[in-house]
Amino acid sequence: MCHPERPERSAGSRRICGCLYALSYWLRSSIRVIIPHVNYSAISLLLICAVSLAGTVAPTATKRTISCKTPAISASCYWTHGRLRYGNGTPSLRLWKIGTHRILGIYSGPSAYNPAAEDPDQGDNENPQLPENVMQAFDNDRPPIGPPNPIFGDFEVCPLEPEKPHTMQASCVEAAKNIVIDR
């Protein structure tokens, strides 16, 4: 049984157990007012289990449905060292090529980016599909609120449009390696 005062538990688990006991007490006292003749311990135990298990669901990795590296653009793909982070604006995911002033706007791939459309950014600009190891790095180190922490690494990037001076270039990320999370 979870007891907050057991010395063999770590400080984090003692804190969680203490919170669970406080939640249990609050639930029992609240339920007694609403429903007078019920087994309050069983109800509060069920609610505590549901609350504690809700945060332990493993993230599901999804496979890419939009290919980044297509035969038409594969010759222009290259590896670069950079920082990938979420930002305010469109597109929301950006890659800074370290050592330069270049920022790449990240989309899922050529089929998701259409500059000839009336609104070219109306696509997957908020949540582009990324390689699985990049998505895991973002998901595993996500703060409770706000965007995920930036990640550094070596990225295989495929440009979706020609490079222009002083302009963010639309690109997609095909692969990544040597990922480090910036905390």
Protein backbone atom coordinates (compact mmCIF):
# COMPACT_ATOMS: atom_id res chain seq x y z
CA MET A 1 0.00 0.00 0.00
CA CYS A 2 1.17 3.51 -0.71
CA HIS A 3 2.17 5.24 2.51
CA PRO A 4 3.84 8.68 2.34
CA GLU A 5 6.01 8.17 5.43
CA ARG A 6 7.77 4.94 4.38
CA PRO A 7 11.53 5.56 4.33
CA GLU A 8 12.21 3.09 1.48
CA ARG A 9 10.32 5.30 -0.99
CA SER A 10 12.01 8.08 -2.94
CA ALA A 11 11.12 11.72 -2.25
CA GLY A 12 9.09 11.89 -5.45
CA SER A 13 7.00 8.81 -4.67
CA ARG A 14 6.44 10.02 -1.07
CA ARG A 15 5.16 13.30 -2.48
CA ILE A 16 2.82 11.46 -4.90
CA CYS A 17 1.55 9.21 -2.11
CA GLY A 18 0.94 12.23 0.11
CA CYS A 19 -1.03 13.89 -2.67
CA LEU A 20 -3.06 10.73 -3.17
CA TYR A 21 -3.89 10.57 0.56
CA ALA A 22 -4.95 14.22 0.54
CA LEU A 23 -7.08 13.61 -2.55
CA SER A 24 -8.63 10.55 -0.91
CA TYR A 25 -9.57 12.54 2.21
CA TRP A 26 -11.04 15.36 0.14
CA LEU A 27 -13.05 12.93 -2.02
CA ARG A 28 -14.48 11.10 0.99
CA SER A 29 -15.57 14.32 2.68
CA SER A 30 -17.04 15.71 -0.57
CA ILE A 31 -18.92 12.52 -1.45
CA ARG A 32 -20.45 12.25 2.05
CA VAL A 33 -22.21 15.55 1.49
CA ILE A 34 -23.55 14.54 -1.93
CA ILE A 35 -24.40 10.86 -1.31
CA PRO A 36 -25.07 10.12 2.37
CA HIS A 37 -25.00 6.25 2.64
CA VAL A 38 -22.28 4.82 0.39
CA ASN A 39 -18.95 3.03 0.84
CA TYR A 40 -16.79 6.13 0.46
CA SER A 41 -13.46 4.30 0.64
CA ALA A 42 -14.27 2.19 -2.43
CA ILE A 43 -15.43 5.19 -4.46
CA SER A 44 -12.43 7.31 -3.52
CA LEU A 45 -10.05 4.41 -4.24
CA LEU A 46 -11.55 3.97 -7.71
CA LEU A 47 -11.29 7.69 -8.44
CA ILE A 48 -7.68 7.82 -7.23
CA CYS A 49 -6.75 4.85 -9.43
CA ALA A 50 -8.39 6.48 -12.44
CA VAL A 51 -6.59 9.78 -11.82
CA SER A 52 -3.19 8.17 -11.24
CA LEU A 53 -3.45 5.92 -14.28
CA ALA A 54 -4.57 8.74 -16.57
CA GLY A 55 -1.08 10.24 -16.57
CA THR A 56 0.73 6.96 -17.23
CA VAL A 57 -0.64 6.22 -20.69
CA ALA A 58 2.29 5.69 -23.06
CA PRO A 59 2.41 7.98 -26.09
CA THR A 60 1.61 6.19 -29.32
CA ALA A 61 4.08 6.59 -32.11
CA THR A 62 2.46 7.24 -35.45
CA LYS A 63 4.06 6.45 -38.76
CA ARG A 64 4.45 9.17 -41.35
CA THR A 65 1.75 9.32 -43.98
CA ILE A 66 3.41 12.15 -45.92
CA SER A 67 6.82 11.35 -47.36
CA CYS A 68 9.45 14.06 -47.00
CA LYS A 69 12.15 12.75 -49.31
CA THR A 70 10.50 12.18 -52.69
CA PRO A 71 12.36 11.34 -55.92
CA ALA A 72 11.73 14.88 -57.19
CA ILE A 73 13.58 16.57 -54.30
CA SER A 74 15.93 13.84 -53.04
CA ALA A 75 18.96 15.36 -54.83
CA SER A 76 18.58 18.62 -52.86
CA CYS A 77 18.43 16.95 -49.40
CA TYR A 78 21.41 17.47 -47.07
CA TRP A 79 22.52 16.95 -43.46
CA THR A 80 22.89 19.93 -41.13
CA HIS A 81 23.51 20.47 -37.43
CA GLY A 82 20.78 22.56 -35.86
CA ARG A 83 18.25 23.37 -33.16
CA LEU A 84 14.62 22.35 -33.73
CA ARG A 85 12.03 24.22 -31.69
CA TYR A 86 8.44 25.44 -31.70
CA GLY A 87 7.87 29.16 -32.14
CA ASN A 88 5.09 31.69 -32.53
CA GLY A 89 3.96 32.21 -36.11
CA THR A 90 3.75 30.17 -39.27
CA PRO A 91 5.12 27.59 -39.54
CA SER A 92 5.35 26.89 -35.85
CA LEU A 93 8.24 24.39 -36.06
CA ARG A 94 11.58 25.91 -37.04
CA LEU A 95 15.10 24.62 -37.52
CA TRP A 96 18.04 26.95 -36.94
CA LYS A 97 21.12 25.89 -38.88
CA ILE A 98 23.79 26.41 -36.22
CA GLY A 99 26.62 28.66 -37.36
CA THR A 100 24.40 30.60 -39.77
CA HIS A 101 21.54 33.07 -39.65
CA ARG A 102 19.29 30.67 -41.59
CA ILE A 103 15.95 29.51 -40.20
CA LEU A 104 14.06 26.71 -41.93
CA GLY A 105 10.27 26.47 -41.59
CA ILE A 106 9.36 22.79 -41.17
CA TYR A 107 6.45 21.14 -43.00
CA SER A 108 5.62 17.42 -43.43
CA GLY A 109 6.70 17.21 -47.04
CA PRO A 110 6.16 18.42 -50.61
CA SER A 111 2.53 17.28 -50.76
CA ALA A 112 1.69 19.27 -47.59
CA TYR A 113 3.29 22.53 -48.76
CA ASN A 114 1.59 24.40 -51.60
CA PRO A 115 2.97 27.93 -52.13
CA ALA A 116 0.59 28.52 -55.07
CA ALA A 117 -2.50 28.13 -52.88
CA GLU A 118 -4.48 31.15 -51.73
CA ASP A 119 -3.23 30.52 -48.20
CA PRO A 120 -0.03 28.45 -48.56
CA ASP A 121 0.36 28.04 -44.81
CA GLN A 122 -3.04 26.43 -44.36
CA GLY A 123 -1.90 22.85 -44.08
CA ASP A 124 0.23 21.02 -41.59
CA ASN A 125 2.17 24.08 -40.46
CA GLU A 126 1.22 23.61 -36.80
CA ASN A 127 2.03 19.90 -36.35
CA PRO A 128 4.16 18.59 -39.20
CA GLN A 129 5.01 14.91 -39.41
CA LEU A 130 8.55 14.25 -38.20
CA PRO A 131 10.83 11.22 -37.88
CA GLU A 132 9.84 8.92 -35.03
CA ASN A 133 12.96 9.60 -32.92
CA VAL A 134 12.32 13.37 -33.10
CA MET A 135 8.68 12.94 -32.03
CA GLN A 136 9.77 10.74 -29.12
CA ALA A 137 12.32 13.36 -28.02
CA PHE A 138 9.62 16.04 -28.05
CA ASP A 139 7.05 13.82 -26.28
CA ASN A 140 9.37 12.38 -23.62
CA ASP A 141 10.57 15.75 -22.38
CA ARG A 142 7.43 17.87 -22.72
CA PRO A 143 6.98 20.41 -19.91
CA PRO A 144 3.57 20.51 -18.16
CA ILE A 145 2.57 23.69 -19.99
CA GLY A 146 3.89 25.37 -23.08
CA PRO A 147 5.78 24.06 -26.06
CA PRO A 148 8.28 21.20 -25.85
CA ASN A 149 11.91 21.96 -25.08
CA PRO A 150 14.15 22.59 -28.13
CA ILE A 151 16.25 19.71 -29.41
CA PHE A 152 19.70 19.83 -30.95
CA GLY A 153 20.92 17.26 -33.44
CA ASP A 154 21.96 16.39 -36.95
CA PHE A 155 18.99 16.61 -39.30
CA GLU A 156 18.54 15.45 -42.87
CA VAL A 157 16.64 18.35 -44.41
CA CYS A 158 14.91 18.52 -47.79
CA PRO A 159 14.17 22.07 -49.04
CA LEU A 160 10.68 22.55 -50.47
CA GLU A 161 11.49 25.86 -52.15
CA PRO A 162 14.61 27.69 -53.36
CA GLU A 163 16.64 29.60 -50.80
CA LYS A 164 16.04 33.37 -50.71
CA PRO A 165 18.10 35.87 -48.71
CA HIS A 166 16.56 37.07 -45.42
CA THR A 167 13.59 34.71 -45.77
CA MET A 168 12.60 31.56 -43.90
CA GLN A 169 12.89 28.59 -46.24
CA ALA A 170 10.18 25.91 -46.32
CA SER A 171 11.71 22.47 -45.68
CA CYS A 172 10.94 19.06 -44.24
CA VAL A 173 12.95 16.79 -41.95
CA GLU A 174 13.57 13.30 -43.31
CA ALA A 175 15.82 11.90 -40.56
CA ALA A 176 17.67 12.89 -37.40
CA LYS A 177 20.54 11.55 -35.32
CA ASN A 178 22.62 12.61 -32.31
CA ILE A 179 19.58 14.20 -30.65
CA VAL A 180 20.12 16.17 -27.45
CA ILE A 181 17.26 17.79 -25.53
CA ASP A 182 17.84 21.37 -24.34
CA ARG A 183 16.57 21.59 -20.75
